[in-house]
């Protein structure tokens, strides 16, 4: 998954403004105790980060 696709999915699910806030502030056990930005900076693949977000906030299956 490309980063542009990842950020579009985040915006589609959370809304434009909240997606960035969520990515900066929400620490998830699914990402090893990291935020989205920290996981991406640590070298996690965008698809793996998206999967973690999906598990953490129960994204509907059809949006995964």
C-alpha atoms as a PDB file:
ATOM      1  CA  UNK A   1       0.000   0.000   0.000  1.00  0.00           C
ATOM      2  CA  UNK A   2       1.303   3.440  -0.880  1.00  0.00           C
ATOM      3  CA  UNK A   3       1.356   6.180   1.743  1.00  0.00           C
ATOM      4  CA  UNK A   4      -1.070   8.246  -0.310  1.00  0.00           C
ATOM      5  CA  UNK A   5      -3.548   5.350  -0.204  1.00  0.00           C
ATOM      6  CA  UNK A   6      -3.002   4.954   3.525  1.00  0.00           C
ATOM      7  CA  UNK A   7      -3.682   8.632   4.253  1.00  0.00           C
ATOM      8  CA  UNK A   8      -6.748   8.596   2.009  1.00  0.00           C
ATOM      9  CA  UNK A   9      -8.149   5.643   3.949  1.00  0.00           C
ATOM     10  CA  UNK A  10      -7.429   7.447   7.219  1.00  0.00           C
ATOM     11  CA  UNK A  11      -9.250  10.558   5.943  1.00  0.00           C
ATOM     12  CA  UNK A  12     -12.159   8.490   4.650  1.00  0.00           C
ATOM     13  CA  UNK A  13     -12.602   6.780   7.999  1.00  0.00           C
ATOM     14  CA  UNK A  14     -11.822   9.582  10.469  1.00  0.00           C
ATOM     15  CA  UNK A  15     -12.399  12.713   8.406  1.00  0.00           C
ATOM     16  CA  UNK A  16      -9.699  15.049   7.101  1.00  0.00           C
ATOM     17  CA  UNK A  17      -9.040  16.980  10.306  1.00  0.00           C
ATOM     18  CA  UNK A  18      -9.313  14.142  12.821  1.00  0.00           C
ATOM     19  CA  UNK A  19      -7.170  11.671  10.852  1.00  0.00           C
ATOM     20  CA  UNK A  20      -4.021  13.696  11.495  1.00  0.00           C
ATOM     21  CA  UNK A  21      -4.867  14.236  15.156  1.00  0.00           C
ATOM     22  CA  UNK A  22      -5.583  10.540  15.649  1.00  0.00           C
ATOM     23  CA  UNK A  23      -2.336   9.601  13.900  1.00  0.00           C
ATOM     24  CA  UNK A  24      -0.299  11.904  16.154  1.00  0.00           C
ATOM     25  CA  UNK A  25      -1.962  11.283  19.500  1.00  0.00           C
ATOM     26  CA  UNK A  26      -3.465   7.794  19.682  1.00  0.00           C
ATOM     27  CA  UNK A  27      -1.014   5.184  20.994  1.00  0.00           C
ATOM     28  CA  UNK A  28      -2.030   1.668  19.982  1.00  0.00           C
ATOM     29  CA  UNK A  29      -0.923  -1.684  21.336  1.00  0.00           C
ATOM     30  CA  UNK A  30      -1.504  -3.016  17.799  1.00  0.00           C
ATOM     31  CA  UNK A  31       1.421  -0.849  16.704  1.00  0.00           C
ATOM     32  CA  UNK A  32       3.705  -1.880  19.532  1.00  0.00           C
ATOM     33  CA  UNK A  33       2.760   1.026  21.763  1.00  0.00           C
ATOM     34  CA  UNK A  34       3.294   3.574  19.009  1.00  0.00           C
ATOM     35  CA  UNK A  35       1.234   6.186  17.255  1.00  0.00           C
ATOM     36  CA  UNK A  36       0.657   5.955  13.506  1.00  0.00           C
ATOM     37  CA  UNK A  37       3.399   8.512  12.843  1.00  0.00           C
ATOM     38  CA  UNK A  38       5.839   6.719  15.142  1.00  0.00           C
ATOM     39  CA  UNK A  39       5.152   3.367  13.489  1.00  0.00           C
ATOM     40  CA  UNK A  40       5.647   4.814  10.014  1.00  0.00           C
ATOM     41  CA  UNK A  41       8.832   6.603  11.123  1.00  0.00           C
ATOM     42  CA  UNK A  42      10.096   3.332  12.617  1.00  0.00           C
ATOM     43  CA  UNK A  43       9.818   1.712   9.193  1.00  0.00           C
ATOM     44  CA  UNK A  44       6.503  -0.128   9.473  1.00  0.00           C
ATOM     45  CA  UNK A  45       4.839  -0.727   6.115  1.00  0.00           C
ATOM     46  CA  UNK A  46       1.768   1.424   5.527  1.00  0.00           C
ATOM     47  CA  UNK A  47      -0.405  -1.666   5.021  1.00  0.00           C
ATOM     48  CA  UNK A  48       0.649  -3.049   8.409  1.00  0.00           C
ATOM     49  CA  UNK A  49      -0.077   0.264  10.102  1.00  0.00           C
ATOM     50  CA  UNK A  50      -3.494   0.379   8.432  1.00  0.00           C
ATOM     51  CA  UNK A  51      -4.221  -3.165   9.624  1.00  0.00           C
ATOM     52  CA  UNK A  52      -3.287  -2.103  13.153  1.00  0.00           C
ATOM     53  CA  UNK A  53      -5.581   0.911  12.959  1.00  0.00           C
ATOM     54  CA  UNK A  54      -8.390  -1.309  11.658  1.00  0.00           C
ATOM     55  CA  UNK A  55      -8.023  -3.672  14.613  1.00  0.00           C
ATOM     56  CA  UNK A  56      -7.688  -0.863  17.157  1.00  0.00           C
ATOM     57  CA  UNK A  57     -10.802   1.064  16.155  1.00  0.00           C
ATOM     58  CA  UNK A  58     -12.850  -1.715  14.596  1.00  0.00           C
ATOM     59  CA  UNK A  59     -12.927  -0.353  11.049  1.00  0.00           C
ATOM     60  CA  UNK A  60     -15.744  -2.089   9.133  1.00  0.00           C
ATOM     61  CA  UNK A  61     -14.536  -4.975   7.008  1.00  0.00           C
ATOM     62  CA  UNK A  62     -15.608  -3.338   3.725  1.00  0.00           C
ATOM     63  CA  UNK A  63     -13.304  -0.364   4.434  1.00  0.00           C
ATOM     64  CA  UNK A  64     -10.255  -2.473   5.165  1.00  0.00           C
END
